[in-house]
C-alpha atoms as a PDB file:
ATOM      1  CA  UNK A   1      -5.766  42.709 -65.676  1.00  0.00           C
ATOM      2  CA  UNK A   2      -3.650  43.987 -62.816  1.00  0.00           C
ATOM      3  CA  UNK A   3      -6.648  44.139 -60.496  1.00  0.00           C
ATOM      4  CA  UNK A   4      -7.640  40.601 -61.497  1.00  0.00           C
ATOM      5  CA  UNK A   5      -4.055  39.481 -60.884  1.00  0.00           C
ATOM      6  CA  UNK A   6      -4.073  41.184 -57.471  1.00  0.00           C
ATOM      7  CA  UNK A   7      -7.407  39.555 -56.627  1.00  0.00           C
ATOM      8  CA  UNK A   8      -6.091  36.119 -57.679  1.00  0.00           C
ATOM      9  CA  UNK A   9      -2.902  36.603 -55.634  1.00  0.00           C
ATOM     10  CA  UNK A  10      -4.996  37.617 -52.633  1.00  0.00           C
ATOM     11  CA  UNK A  11      -7.229  34.606 -53.107  1.00  0.00           C
ATOM     12  CA  UNK A  12      -4.151  32.350 -53.470  1.00  0.00           C
ATOM     13  CA  UNK A  13      -2.654  33.774 -50.265  1.00  0.00           C
ATOM     14  CA  UNK A  14      -5.963  33.257 -48.477  1.00  0.00           C
ATOM     15  CA  UNK A  15      -6.116  29.645 -49.707  1.00  0.00           C
ATOM     16  CA  UNK A  16      -2.540  29.022 -48.501  1.00  0.00           C
ATOM     17  CA  UNK A  17      -3.417  30.363 -45.051  1.00  0.00           C
ATOM     18  CA  UNK A  18      -6.579  28.297 -44.979  1.00  0.00           C
ATOM     19  CA  UNK A  19      -4.605  25.226 -46.084  1.00  0.00           C
ATOM     20  CA  UNK A  20      -2.036  25.752 -43.273  1.00  0.00           C
ATOM     21  CA  UNK A  21      -4.824  26.135 -40.718  1.00  0.00           C
ATOM     22  CA  UNK A  22      -6.514  22.979 -42.001  1.00  0.00           C
ATOM     23  CA  UNK A  23      -3.216  21.062 -41.807  1.00  0.00           C
ATOM     24  CA  UNK A  24      -2.705  22.261 -38.216  1.00  0.00           C
ATOM     25  CA  UNK A  25      -6.234  21.202 -37.288  1.00  0.00           C
ATOM     26  CA  UNK A  26      -5.660  17.832 -38.958  1.00  0.00           C
ATOM     27  CA  UNK A  27      -2.405  17.310 -37.006  1.00  0.00           C
ATOM     28  CA  UNK A  28      -4.172  18.211 -33.755  1.00  0.00           C
ATOM     29  CA  UNK A  29      -7.083  15.890 -34.515  1.00  0.00           C
ATOM     30  CA  UNK A  30      -4.672  13.073 -35.416  1.00  0.00           C
ATOM     31  CA  UNK A  31      -2.759  13.627 -32.188  1.00  0.00           C
ATOM     32  CA  UNK A  32      -5.980  13.644 -30.161  1.00  0.00           C
ATOM     33  CA  UNK A  33      -7.092  10.456 -31.928  1.00  0.00           C
ATOM     34  CA  UNK A  34      -3.794   8.739 -31.051  1.00  0.00           C
ATOM     35  CA  UNK A  35      -4.106   9.852 -27.427  1.00  0.00           C
ATOM     36  CA  UNK A  36      -7.677   8.513 -27.272  1.00  0.00           C
ATOM     37  CA  UNK A  37      -6.649   5.214 -28.864  1.00  0.00           C
ATOM     38  CA  UNK A  38      -3.867   4.860 -26.293  1.00  0.00           C
ATOM     39  CA  UNK A  39      -6.298   5.651 -23.486  1.00  0.00           C
ATOM     40  CA  UNK A  40      -8.817   3.145 -24.860  1.00  0.00           C
ATOM     41  CA  UNK A  41      -6.105   0.481 -24.970  1.00  0.00           C
ATOM     42  CA  UNK A  42      -5.104   1.325 -21.388  1.00  0.00           C
ATOM     43  CA  UNK A  43      -8.721   1.128 -20.227  1.00  0.00           C
ATOM     44  CA  UNK A  44      -9.248  -2.116 -22.092  1.00  0.00           C
ATOM     45  CA  UNK A  45      -6.230  -3.539 -20.280  1.00  0.00           C
ATOM     46  CA  UNK A  46      -7.591  -2.274 -16.969  1.00  0.00           C
ATOM     47  CA  UNK A  47     -10.974  -3.848 -17.673  1.00  0.00           C
ATOM     48  CA  UNK A  48      -9.388  -7.175 -18.583  1.00  0.00           C
ATOM     49  CA  UNK A  49      -7.278  -7.043 -15.430  1.00  0.00           C
ATOM     50  CA  UNK A  50     -10.339  -6.308 -13.303  1.00  0.00           C
ATOM     51  CA  UNK A  51     -12.301  -9.071 -14.997  1.00  0.00           C
ATOM     52  CA  UNK A  52      -9.471 -11.504 -14.196  1.00  0.00           C
ATOM     53  CA  UNK A  53      -9.362 -10.277 -10.614  1.00  0.00           C
ATOM     54  CA  UNK A  54     -13.144 -10.632 -10.360  1.00  0.00           C
ATOM     55  CA  UNK A  55     -12.934 -14.191 -11.663  1.00  0.00           C
ATOM     56  CA  UNK A  56     -10.184 -15.003  -9.143  1.00  0.00           C
ATOM     57  CA  UNK A  57     -12.301 -13.502  -6.371  1.00  0.00           C
ATOM     58  CA  UNK A  58     -15.315 -15.529  -7.452  1.00  0.00           C
ATOM     59  CA  UNK A  59     -13.191 -18.672  -7.439  1.00  0.00           C
ATOM     60  CA  UNK A  60     -11.862 -17.838  -3.985  1.00  0.00           C
ATOM     61  CA  UNK A  61     -15.386 -17.137  -2.755  1.00  0.00           C
ATOM     62  CA  UNK A  62     -16.586 -20.486  -4.115  1.00  0.00           C
ATOM     63  CA  UNK A  63     -13.666 -22.289  -2.474  1.00  0.00           C
ATOM     64  CA  UNK A  64     -14.332 -20.463   0.800  1.00  0.00           C
ATOM     65  CA  UNK A  65     -17.961 -21.572   0.712  1.00  0.00           C
ATOM     66  CA  UNK A  66     -16.881 -25.153   0.113  1.00  0.00           C
ATOM     67  CA  UNK A  67     -14.457 -24.980   3.066  1.00  0.00           C
ATOM     68  CA  UNK A  68     -17.143 -23.441   5.254  1.00  0.00           C
ATOM     69  CA  UNK A  69     -19.554 -26.223   4.339  1.00  0.00           C
ATOM     70  CA  UNK A  70     -16.915 -28.879   4.993  1.00  0.00           C
ATOM     71  CA  UNK A  71     -16.052 -27.348   8.374  1.00  0.00           C
ATOM     72  CA  UNK A  72     -19.722 -27.177   9.323  1.00  0.00           C
ATOM     73  CA  UNK A  73     -20.244 -30.801   8.324  1.00  0.00           C
ATOM     74  CA  UNK A  74     -17.114 -31.910  10.159  1.00  0.00           C
ATOM     75  CA  UNK A  75     -18.125 -29.894  13.208  1.00  0.00           C
ATOM     76  CA  UNK A  76     -21.591 -31.418  13.167  1.00  0.00           C
ATOM     77  CA  UNK A  77     -20.091 -34.900  12.830  1.00  0.00           C
ATOM     78  CA  UNK A  78     -17.780 -34.192  15.750  1.00  0.00           C
ATOM     79  CA  UNK A  79     -20.646 -32.912  17.891  1.00  0.00           C
ATOM     80  CA  UNK A  80     -22.773 -35.955  17.050  1.00  0.00           C
ATOM     81  CA  UNK A  81     -19.836 -38.235  17.822  1.00  0.00           C
ATOM     82  CA  UNK A  82     -19.318 -36.545  21.170  1.00  0.00           C
ATOM     83  CA  UNK A  83     -23.005 -36.739  22.010  1.00  0.00           C
ATOM     84  CA  UNK A  84     -23.140 -40.483  21.335  1.00  0.00           C
ATOM     85  CA  UNK A  85     -20.226 -41.137  23.679  1.00  0.00           C
ATOM     86  CA  UNK A  86     -20.510 -41.490  27.393  1.00  0.00           C
ATOM     87  CA  UNK A  87     -18.387 -38.638  28.586  1.00  0.00           C
ATOM     88  CA  UNK A  88     -16.866 -38.531  32.014  1.00  0.00           C
ATOM     89  CA  UNK A  89     -17.296 -35.228  33.787  1.00  0.00           C
ATOM     90  CA  UNK A  90     -13.539 -34.627  33.607  1.00  0.00           C
ATOM     91  CA  UNK A  91     -13.715 -34.579  29.765  1.00  0.00           C
ATOM     92  CA  UNK A  92     -16.530 -32.057  29.721  1.00  0.00           C
ATOM     93  CA  UNK A  93     -14.122 -29.081  29.679  1.00  0.00           C
ATOM     94  CA  UNK A  94     -12.190 -30.587  26.736  1.00  0.00           C
ATOM     95  CA  UNK A  95     -15.436 -31.062  24.815  1.00  0.00           C
ATOM     96  CA  UNK A  96     -16.533 -27.500  25.543  1.00  0.00           C
ATOM     97  CA  UNK A  97     -13.145 -26.231  24.338  1.00  0.00           C
ATOM     98  CA  UNK A  98     -13.377 -28.243  21.111  1.00  0.00           C
ATOM     99  CA  UNK A  99     -16.881 -26.978  20.521  1.00  0.00           C
ATOM    100  CA  UNK A 100     -15.679 -23.397  21.066  1.00  0.00           C
ATOM    101  CA  UNK A 101     -12.790 -23.943  18.623  1.00  0.00           C
ATOM    102  CA  UNK A 102     -15.258 -25.153  16.022  1.00  0.00           C
ATOM    103  CA  UNK A 103     -17.505 -22.167  16.707  1.00  0.00           C
ATOM    104  CA  UNK A 104     -14.527 -19.776  16.335  1.00  0.00           C
ATOM    105  CA  UNK A 105     -13.467 -21.475  13.091  1.00  0.00           C
ATOM    106  CA  UNK A 106     -16.963 -21.111  11.676  1.00  0.00           C
ATOM    107  CA  UNK A 107     -17.090 -17.477  12.783  1.00  0.00           C
ATOM    108  CA  UNK A 108     -13.725 -16.801  11.118  1.00  0.00           C
ATOM    109  CA  UNK A 109     -14.914 -18.408   7.910  1.00  0.00           C
ATOM    110  CA  UNK A 110     -18.074 -16.297   7.989  1.00  0.00           C
ATOM    111  CA  UNK A 111     -15.948 -13.174   8.413  1.00  0.00           C
ATOM    112  CA  UNK A 112     -13.716 -14.178   5.509  1.00  0.00           C
ATOM    113  CA  UNK A 113     -16.766 -14.924   3.387  1.00  0.00           C
ATOM    114  CA  UNK A 114     -18.252 -11.512   4.162  1.00  0.00           C
ATOM    115  CA  UNK A 115     -14.922  -9.861   3.364  1.00  0.00           C
ATOM    116  CA  UNK A 116     -14.756 -11.696   0.034  1.00  0.00           C
ATOM    117  CA  UNK A 117     -18.324 -10.654  -0.732  1.00  0.00           C
ATOM    118  CA  UNK A 118     -17.396  -7.062   0.013  1.00  0.00           C
ATOM    119  CA  UNK A 119     -14.266  -7.310  -2.161  1.00  0.00           C
ATOM    120  CA  UNK A 120     -16.279  -8.865  -4.952  1.00  0.00           C
ATOM    121  CA  UNK A 121     -18.853  -6.081  -4.705  1.00  0.00           C
ATOM    122  CA  UNK A 122     -16.113  -3.436  -4.769  1.00  0.00           C
ATOM    123  CA  UNK A 123     -14.492  -5.035  -7.792  1.00  0.00           C
ATOM    124  CA  UNK A 124     -17.848  -5.153  -9.578  1.00  0.00           C
ATOM    125  CA  UNK A 125     -18.341  -1.446  -8.840  1.00  0.00           C
ATOM    126  CA  UNK A 126     -14.860  -0.601 -10.122  1.00  0.00           C
ATOM    127  CA  UNK A 127     -15.451  -2.679 -13.219  1.00  0.00           C
ATOM    128  CA  UNK A 128     -18.728  -0.897 -13.924  1.00  0.00           C
ATOM    129  CA  UNK A 129     -17.051   2.487 -13.367  1.00  0.00           C
ATOM    130  CA  UNK A 130     -14.242   1.602 -15.778  1.00  0.00           C
ATOM    131  CA  UNK A 131     -16.709   0.332 -18.360  1.00  0.00           C
ATOM    132  CA  UNK A 132     -18.675   3.562 -18.061  1.00  0.00           C
ATOM    133  CA  UNK A 133     -15.492   5.661 -18.376  1.00  0.00           C
ATOM    134  CA  UNK A 134     -14.391   3.562 -21.327  1.00  0.00           C
ATOM    135  CA  UNK A 135     -17.725   4.036 -23.089  1.00  0.00           C
ATOM    136  CA  UNK A 136     -17.736   7.763 -22.325  1.00  0.00           C
ATOM    137  CA  UNK A 137     -14.201   8.234 -23.626  1.00  0.00           C
ATOM    138  CA  UNK A 138     -14.971   6.085 -26.631  1.00  0.00           C
ATOM    139  CA  UNK A 139     -17.861   8.401 -27.541  1.00  0.00           C
END
């Protein structure tokens, strides 16, 4: 009986140790889960922020294109108006200057458009990277 009692006490002690180890592992897993949930929430917020920024950039790009088109149309109208007029030689320099201003404005708008395209591309890349990180961390 004593040997059976000793064996049961040993088994009980082993079960207590195993139970403590399991509880520790459970606490660690719960803590890791909470950390991951927090990280997922942070990444979700980042993704939403980037999506909003992307939408704003798309809107700005659209508006820039509209302005560019309007400037081109206005510039063309101005050129046609100037061509239909009889221009004294003394006004030629003024006309050339106006034409150059229009050309510079169009060039500036093209530069801004290219910059917005680049920004939009960069934002798309960042968004894809965050989505990939989010999916990887989620797994």
